[in-house]
């Protein structure tokens, strides 16, 4: 039979954690096994709705568009419809967004390698593969545990490229030291993530 499907609700294009994601809520009263199909258009080619192969007849209420986009520098919007058997709901469109200026950053994940007189710090980013080569950077902060509120005690290592390891001489450091970092991205204005949760290590601990 032919069912009148309720279209998806709250269709929103989100930029979150380095990714561009379309989200929506299920229409009330639709069959439980309804699926969704997503397309997108970019502002430089309006009314040309492009298919997103990995978001055709999907059961989940979101679609990661990041690596489907033909350009990160042009505003895009997406649309989604509900599908059940031969029934389809009307399409519902999102607002326009552009990855380059709207992207929201997640804090990097820090890895520490403690040597005899040095510590090597590297930051990894949860990036979609297609944006690997954009110029992400990070700032690193180092402080002695318990002195967070004394800004003068925080050593700053700023503007390192994402793949760079920061090597810090620890000869003069004794005690519990903490590291935290934030991601940076130079678009129309400089974007920054929150700082990551501190990672602390004991240095030159005698005893």
Protein backbone atom coordinates (compact mmCIF):
# COMPACT_ATOMS: atom_id res chain seq x y z
CA UNK A 1 0.00 0.00 0.00
CA UNK A 2 0.91 3.64 -0.32
CA UNK A 3 1.59 5.37 3.01
CA UNK A 4 1.69 9.13 3.52
CA UNK A 5 5.08 9.57 5.21
CA UNK A 6 5.76 12.46 7.59
CA UNK A 7 8.91 14.30 6.41
CA UNK A 8 12.04 14.40 8.61
CA UNK A 9 11.95 17.12 11.32
CA UNK A 10 14.60 19.56 12.62
CA UNK A 11 16.87 19.10 9.60
CA UNK A 12 20.17 20.75 10.55
CA UNK A 13 23.61 20.95 8.99
CA UNK A 14 26.10 20.81 11.87
CA UNK A 15 29.78 21.44 11.87
CA UNK A 16 31.24 19.41 14.72
CA UNK A 17 34.64 17.94 15.56
CA UNK A 18 36.16 18.67 12.13
CA UNK A 19 33.15 17.17 10.30
CA UNK A 20 30.08 18.46 8.45
CA UNK A 21 27.08 16.37 9.49
CA UNK A 22 23.42 16.54 8.49
CA UNK A 23 21.09 15.53 11.34
CA UNK A 24 17.32 15.18 11.58
CA UNK A 25 14.58 13.67 13.72
CA UNK A 26 12.13 10.99 12.56
CA UNK A 27 8.66 12.13 11.56
CA UNK A 28 6.09 11.01 14.14
CA UNK A 29 3.89 8.10 13.16
CA UNK A 30 6.14 6.76 10.39
CA UNK A 31 6.79 2.99 10.20
CA UNK A 32 9.73 1.93 12.42
CA UNK A 33 11.77 0.59 9.47
CA UNK A 34 11.63 3.81 7.44
CA UNK A 35 14.94 4.80 5.77
CA UNK A 36 16.38 8.13 4.61
CA UNK A 37 18.12 9.46 1.52
CA UNK A 38 20.30 12.58 1.48
CA UNK A 39 21.47 14.89 -1.31
CA UNK A 40 23.37 18.19 -1.25
CA UNK A 41 23.87 21.25 -3.43
CA UNK A 42 26.57 23.92 -3.38
CA UNK A 43 26.01 27.62 -3.74
CA UNK A 44 28.01 27.84 -6.95
CA UNK A 45 25.68 25.29 -8.66
CA UNK A 46 22.21 25.84 -7.28
CA UNK A 47 19.44 23.37 -8.16
CA UNK A 48 21.99 20.70 -8.97
CA UNK A 49 21.33 18.24 -6.13
CA UNK A 50 24.18 15.74 -5.87
CA UNK A 51 23.76 12.20 -4.59
CA UNK A 52 25.58 11.06 -1.47
CA UNK A 53 26.14 7.33 -2.15
CA UNK A 54 26.78 6.35 1.49
CA UNK A 55 23.57 8.11 2.62
CA UNK A 56 20.98 6.41 0.40
CA UNK A 57 18.26 4.42 2.19
CA UNK A 58 20.02 4.59 5.56
CA UNK A 59 18.20 3.77 8.83
CA UNK A 60 20.07 6.29 11.02
CA UNK A 61 19.08 9.97 11.45
CA UNK A 62 22.40 11.54 10.39
CA UNK A 63 24.78 11.65 7.44
CA UNK A 64 28.46 12.65 7.50
CA UNK A 65 28.89 14.80 4.39
CA UNK A 66 32.49 15.92 4.91
CA UNK A 67 34.20 13.73 2.34
CA UNK A 68 31.33 13.93 -0.16
CA UNK A 69 31.77 17.71 -0.59
CA UNK A 70 33.34 18.82 -3.84
CA UNK A 71 34.83 21.95 -2.24
CA UNK A 72 35.48 23.08 1.34
CA UNK A 73 35.34 26.74 0.33
CA UNK A 74 31.79 26.96 -1.02
CA UNK A 75 28.62 27.07 1.06
CA UNK A 76 26.49 23.93 0.80
CA UNK A 77 23.13 22.78 2.03
CA UNK A 78 21.60 19.34 2.16
CA UNK A 79 18.15 17.82 1.97
CA UNK A 80 16.70 14.56 3.24
CA UNK A 81 13.52 12.54 2.65
CA UNK A 82 11.98 9.52 4.33
CA UNK A 83 11.49 6.38 2.21
CA UNK A 84 9.39 3.29 2.99
CA UNK A 85 8.71 0.75 0.28
CA UNK A 86 7.35 2.81 -2.62
CA UNK A 87 6.32 5.71 -0.40
CA UNK A 88 8.43 8.84 -0.03
CA UNK A 89 8.03 11.97 2.05
CA UNK A 90 8.70 15.44 0.66
CA UNK A 91 12.34 16.60 0.81
CA UNK A 92 13.31 18.88 3.72
CA UNK A 93 16.27 21.25 3.28
CA UNK A 94 18.86 22.44 5.76
CA UNK A 95 20.37 25.90 5.97
CA UNK A 96 23.58 26.76 4.05
CA UNK A 97 26.97 26.23 5.72
CA UNK A 98 30.55 26.23 4.61
CA UNK A 99 33.13 23.88 6.04
CA UNK A 100 36.02 26.29 5.83
CA UNK A 101 34.55 29.11 7.91
CA UNK A 102 31.98 27.19 9.99
CA UNK A 103 34.00 24.14 11.04
CA UNK A 104 34.07 23.47 14.78
CA UNK A 105 37.23 21.97 16.20
CA UNK A 106 37.65 19.15 18.68
CA UNK A 107 40.62 19.26 21.08
CA UNK A 108 43.60 17.14 19.98
CA UNK A 109 44.56 13.94 21.78
CA UNK A 110 48.03 14.11 23.34
CA UNK A 111 50.62 11.34 23.42
CA UNK A 112 53.61 11.72 25.77
CA UNK A 113 56.89 9.80 25.50
CA UNK A 114 59.12 10.37 28.55
CA UNK A 115 62.88 9.94 28.01
CA UNK A 116 65.80 10.46 30.41
CA UNK A 117 66.13 14.23 30.03
CA UNK A 118 63.30 15.06 27.69
CA UNK A 119 59.67 14.46 26.93
CA UNK A 120 58.23 14.21 23.43
CA UNK A 121 54.68 15.42 22.97
CA UNK A 122 52.61 14.76 19.86
CA UNK A 123 49.01 15.69 19.11
CA UNK A 124 46.64 13.60 17.04
CA UNK A 125 43.44 14.96 15.56
CA UNK A 126 40.23 13.00 14.86
CA UNK A 127 40.19 14.21 11.24
CA UNK A 128 38.15 12.89 8.33
CA UNK A 129 40.64 11.55 5.75
CA UNK A 130 39.69 14.12 3.12
CA UNK A 131 40.76 17.12 5.25
CA UNK A 132 44.07 15.64 6.37
CA UNK A 133 46.12 18.08 4.30
CA UNK A 134 44.46 21.32 5.43
CA UNK A 135 46.85 23.25 7.68
CA UNK A 136 45.76 22.34 11.21
CA UNK A 137 47.97 23.48 14.05
CA UNK A 138 48.00 23.18 17.82
CA UNK A 139 49.06 25.12 20.91
CA UNK A 140 50.54 23.21 23.83
CA UNK A 141 50.59 24.32 27.48
CA UNK A 142 52.81 22.87 30.21
CA UNK A 143 52.58 23.64 33.94
CA UNK A 144 53.42 22.14 37.31
CA UNK A 145 50.38 20.44 38.85
CA UNK A 146 48.74 22.72 41.40
CA UNK A 147 49.94 25.96 39.78
CA UNK A 148 47.20 26.22 37.12
CA UNK A 149 45.90 29.49 38.52
CA UNK A 150 49.34 31.18 38.26
CA UNK A 151 49.35 32.09 34.58
CA UNK A 152 53.05 33.00 34.79
CA UNK A 153 53.81 29.36 35.58
CA UNK A 154 52.36 28.07 32.31
CA UNK A 155 54.88 27.48 29.54
CA UNK A 156 53.33 27.92 26.12
CA UNK A 157 54.43 26.23 22.89
CA UNK A 158 52.33 27.81 20.17
CA UNK A 159 51.45 27.22 16.54
CA UNK A 160 52.91 23.77 15.89
CA UNK A 161 51.81 21.97 12.75
CA UNK A 162 49.60 19.02 13.45
CA UNK A 163 52.20 16.35 12.65
CA UNK A 164 55.03 18.06 14.54
CA UNK A 165 56.33 16.54 17.77
CA UNK A 166 57.37 19.02 20.48
CA UNK A 167 60.48 17.95 22.41
CA UNK A 168 60.89 19.55 25.83
CA UNK A 169 64.07 19.41 27.92
CA UNK A 170 63.05 18.16 31.38
CA UNK A 171 66.43 18.33 33.14
CA UNK A 172 65.30 21.20 35.38
CA UNK A 173 61.78 19.90 35.97
CA UNK A 174 61.04 17.95 39.15
CA UNK A 175 57.57 16.81 40.17
CA UNK A 176 54.17 16.36 38.59
CA UNK A 177 53.75 18.24 35.30
CA UNK A 178 50.64 18.56 33.18
CA UNK A 179 50.10 19.06 29.45
CA UNK A 180 47.06 20.30 27.55
CA UNK A 181 46.57 21.36 23.93
CA UNK A 182 44.05 23.00 21.63
CA UNK A 183 43.55 22.76 17.89
CA UNK A 184 43.89 25.86 15.68
CA UNK A 185 42.63 26.48 12.19
CA UNK A 186 43.32 29.58 10.13
CA UNK A 187 40.22 30.35 8.09
CA UNK A 188 38.64 33.77 7.58
CA UNK A 189 39.35 34.24 11.24
CA UNK A 190 41.45 32.09 13.55
CA UNK A 191 39.45 29.22 15.06
CA UNK A 192 40.42 27.43 18.25
CA UNK A 193 39.10 24.35 20.00
CA UNK A 194 38.73 24.02 23.75
CA UNK A 195 41.88 22.84 25.52
CA UNK A 196 42.14 19.07 25.93
CA UNK A 197 41.81 17.40 29.33
CA UNK A 198 45.21 17.67 31.08
CA UNK A 199 47.59 14.71 30.92
CA UNK A 200 50.02 14.67 33.87
CA UNK A 201 53.33 12.85 34.39
CA UNK A 202 55.90 12.61 37.19
CA UNK A 203 59.30 13.88 36.01
CA UNK A 204 62.70 13.11 37.54
CA UNK A 205 60.97 11.48 40.47
CA UNK A 206 63.45 10.22 43.05
CA UNK A 207 62.13 7.65 45.44
